[in-house]
Amino acid sequence: EAFAQFLTSKQAVRAAYDIKAYGEFVDRMIATFDRAFFAARMGFGDGTELPAFVVGMPRSGTTLTEQILASHPLIHGTGERTDF
């Protein structure tokens, strides 16, 4: 019975998914966030070298945020800490 419900839910998702609309969304994102977009914003932000801490509740996206930030060569991620 549970597997039948799972299949029903998967079919509903497939029926609601519009690949064309998603492709158009991606095209708009690419057109918006081009080189000129980022060049116009070069130097924005805070130039401090003080540490920044990503803090949040479990399952809130903090680990993903830390991994994305740490992918930059000038940022070091220390991983999850339990002592805060």
Protein backbone atom coordinates (compact mmCIF):
# COMPACT_ATOMS: atom_id res chain seq x y z
CA GLU A 1 0.00 0.00 0.00
CA ALA A 2 2.82 2.43 0.84
CA PHE A 3 4.56 1.74 -2.46
CA ALA A 4 1.32 2.37 -4.35
CA GLN A 5 1.05 5.76 -2.62
CA PHE A 6 4.67 6.49 -3.50
CA LEU A 7 3.99 5.76 -7.18
CA THR A 8 0.89 7.95 -7.12
CA SER A 9 2.88 10.85 -5.68
CA LYS A 10 5.66 10.42 -8.27
CA GLN A 11 3.10 10.47 -11.08
CA ALA A 12 1.57 13.66 -9.69
CA VAL A 13 4.97 15.34 -9.59
CA ARG A 14 5.73 14.30 -13.16
CA ALA A 15 2.35 15.62 -14.31
CA ALA A 16 2.97 18.99 -12.63
CA TYR A 17 6.57 19.42 -13.84
CA ASP A 18 6.87 21.68 -16.87
CA ILE A 19 10.28 21.17 -18.49
CA LYS A 20 9.74 24.04 -20.92
CA ALA A 21 8.92 26.50 -18.13
CA TYR A 22 11.94 25.34 -16.17
CA GLY A 23 14.17 25.78 -19.23
CA GLU A 24 12.84 29.32 -19.66
CA PHE A 25 13.55 30.03 -15.99
CA VAL A 26 17.14 28.84 -16.37
CA ASP A 27 17.57 30.94 -19.52
CA ARG A 28 16.34 34.03 -17.62
CA MET A 29 18.78 33.30 -14.79
CA ILE A 30 21.69 32.99 -17.23
CA ALA A 31 20.67 36.21 -18.99
CA THR A 32 20.35 38.09 -15.68
CA PHE A 33 23.50 36.91 -13.94
CA ASP A 34 26.01 37.41 -16.76
CA ARG A 35 29.56 38.78 -16.60
CA ALA A 36 28.31 42.36 -16.80
CA PHE A 37 26.07 41.81 -13.76
CA PHE A 38 29.00 40.69 -11.63
CA ALA A 39 31.42 43.24 -13.11
CA ALA A 40 29.05 46.05 -12.13
CA ARG A 41 29.10 44.79 -8.55
CA MET A 42 32.84 44.23 -8.23
CA GLY A 43 34.06 45.54 -4.88
CA PHE A 44 30.66 45.40 -3.19
CA GLY A 45 30.59 44.00 0.31
CA ASP A 46 32.73 44.34 3.37
CA GLY A 47 36.47 44.07 2.82
CA THR A 48 37.24 43.00 6.38
CA GLU A 49 39.35 39.93 7.06
CA LEU A 50 37.63 39.28 10.38
CA PRO A 51 36.17 35.78 10.69
CA ALA A 52 32.54 35.16 9.85
CA PHE A 53 30.58 32.46 11.62
CA VAL A 54 27.70 30.61 9.99
CA VAL A 55 25.40 29.57 12.83
CA GLY A 56 22.04 27.86 12.64
CA MET A 57 19.80 25.08 13.77
CA PRO A 58 20.26 21.53 12.46
CA ARG A 59 18.85 20.93 8.96
CA SER A 60 18.68 24.69 8.27
CA GLY A 61 21.23 24.82 5.44
CA THR A 62 24.25 25.98 7.42
CA THR A 63 26.42 23.04 6.34
CA LEU A 64 25.61 23.67 2.68
CA THR A 65 26.30 27.38 3.15
CA GLU A 66 29.67 26.61 4.73
CA GLN A 67 30.58 24.23 1.90
CA ILE A 68 29.67 26.79 -0.76
CA LEU A 69 31.68 29.51 0.98
CA ALA A 70 34.64 27.19 1.58
CA SER A 71 34.82 26.40 -2.15
CA HIS A 72 36.37 29.87 -2.57
CA PRO A 73 40.18 29.71 -2.38
CA LEU A 74 40.38 32.53 0.18
CA ILE A 75 37.88 30.96 2.59
CA HIS A 76 38.55 28.14 5.01
CA GLY A 77 35.65 26.14 6.38
CA THR A 78 36.20 24.54 9.76
CA GLY A 79 33.30 22.12 9.53
CA GLU A 80 30.57 21.63 12.05
CA ARG A 81 31.28 22.59 15.64
CA THR A 82 29.37 21.45 18.70
CA ASP A 83 30.96 23.77 21.24
CA PHE A 84 28.95 26.92 20.50
